[in-house]
Amino acid sequence: MNKICLTLEEFKELVKKEYLDPKWVVPEEEQLKYFDSEESQETIEREYQDIVEDFNDGQFDLDFIKEGEVARVANLLYLMFEWV
């Protein structure tokens, strides 16, 4: 049986909070447009599934996901945005 991790929606909200960095020179509206894009949402969901698997295998704990993995995925989206 799988242990309880963050839901996909909870994970997305944490990533969104980390992703919407006020230090960006890009207006928040453009950041949100990309965050809500199909490409970003597919990436978040794919990363989330991998994280849940690692969590269920005991490789990650919830604190590590909330701090390390959320930041990693937000940074990945930031880098992907740069190439759009």
Protein backbone atom coordinates (compact mmCIF):
# COMPACT_ATOMS: atom_id res chain seq x y z
CA MET A 1 0.00 0.00 0.00
CA ASN A 2 1.25 3.46 -0.86
CA LYS A 3 2.04 5.94 1.84
CA ILE A 4 0.34 9.30 1.75
CA CYS A 5 2.31 11.97 -0.05
CA LEU A 6 1.25 15.37 -1.33
CA THR A 7 -1.61 15.31 -3.79
CA LEU A 8 -0.88 16.47 -7.30
CA GLU A 9 -2.82 19.67 -6.66
CA GLU A 10 -0.88 20.38 -3.45
CA PHE A 11 2.37 19.74 -5.28
CA LYS A 12 1.36 22.05 -8.15
CA GLU A 13 0.51 24.85 -5.72
CA LEU A 14 3.89 24.54 -3.98
CA VAL A 15 5.70 24.53 -7.33
CA LYS A 16 3.67 27.52 -8.50
CA LYS A 17 4.55 29.47 -5.35
CA GLU A 18 8.24 28.71 -5.85
CA TYR A 19 8.07 29.38 -9.60
CA LEU A 20 6.44 32.81 -9.29
CA ASP A 21 9.60 34.54 -8.21
CA PRO A 22 9.32 38.34 -7.88
CA LYS A 23 12.99 38.64 -8.90
CA TRP A 24 12.13 37.63 -12.46
CA VAL A 25 12.27 40.38 -15.05
CA VAL A 26 9.33 38.66 -16.75
CA PRO A 27 5.90 39.97 -15.72
CA GLU A 28 3.91 37.61 -13.50
CA GLU A 29 1.21 37.38 -16.16
CA GLU A 30 3.71 35.80 -18.58
CA GLN A 31 5.04 33.52 -15.86
CA LEU A 32 1.51 32.29 -15.16
CA LYS A 33 0.75 31.85 -18.84
CA TYR A 34 3.71 29.51 -19.18
CA PHE A 35 3.01 27.77 -15.87
CA ASP A 36 -0.52 26.98 -17.05
CA SER A 37 0.64 25.77 -20.46
CA GLU A 38 0.21 22.16 -21.49
CA GLU A 39 3.98 21.69 -21.60
CA SER A 40 4.46 22.88 -18.02
CA GLN A 41 1.51 20.93 -16.65
CA GLU A 42 2.71 17.72 -18.33
CA THR A 43 6.20 18.27 -16.92
CA ILE A 44 4.86 18.85 -13.41
CA GLU A 45 2.69 15.75 -13.57
CA ARG A 46 5.53 13.58 -14.91
CA GLU A 47 7.92 14.84 -12.23
CA TYR A 48 5.26 14.36 -9.56
CA GLN A 49 4.75 10.71 -10.54
CA ASP A 50 8.50 10.06 -10.27
CA ILE A 51 8.64 11.80 -6.90
CA VAL A 52 5.69 9.78 -5.56
CA GLU A 53 7.39 6.55 -6.66
CA ASP A 54 10.59 7.56 -4.87
CA PHE A 55 8.58 8.57 -1.80
CA ASN A 56 6.79 5.23 -1.74
CA ASP A 57 10.13 3.44 -2.10
CA GLY A 58 11.39 5.31 0.96
CA GLN A 59 13.94 7.39 -0.94
CA PHE A 60 12.33 10.74 -0.06
CA ASP A 61 10.51 12.05 2.96
CA LEU A 62 7.81 14.70 2.85
CA ASP A 63 10.12 17.51 4.01
CA PHE A 64 12.60 16.70 1.25
CA ILE A 65 9.81 16.85 -1.33
CA LYS A 66 8.45 20.15 -0.04
CA GLU A 67 11.86 21.79 0.01
CA GLY A 68 14.14 20.08 -2.48
CA GLU A 69 11.90 18.57 -5.12
CA VAL A 70 9.48 21.49 -5.31
CA ALA A 71 12.39 23.88 -5.87
CA ARG A 72 13.94 21.52 -8.44
CA VAL A 73 10.74 21.34 -10.49
CA ALA A 74 10.19 25.11 -10.26
CA ASN A 75 13.75 25.67 -11.51
CA LEU A 76 13.17 23.18 -14.32
CA LEU A 77 10.11 25.19 -15.42
CA TYR A 78 12.13 28.38 -15.21
CA LEU A 79 14.78 26.89 -17.49
CA MET A 80 12.13 25.59 -19.88
CA PHE A 81 10.56 29.07 -19.98
CA GLU A 82 13.89 30.51 -21.07
CA TRP A 83 13.72 28.38 -24.22
CA VAL A 84 10.17 29.39 -25.18
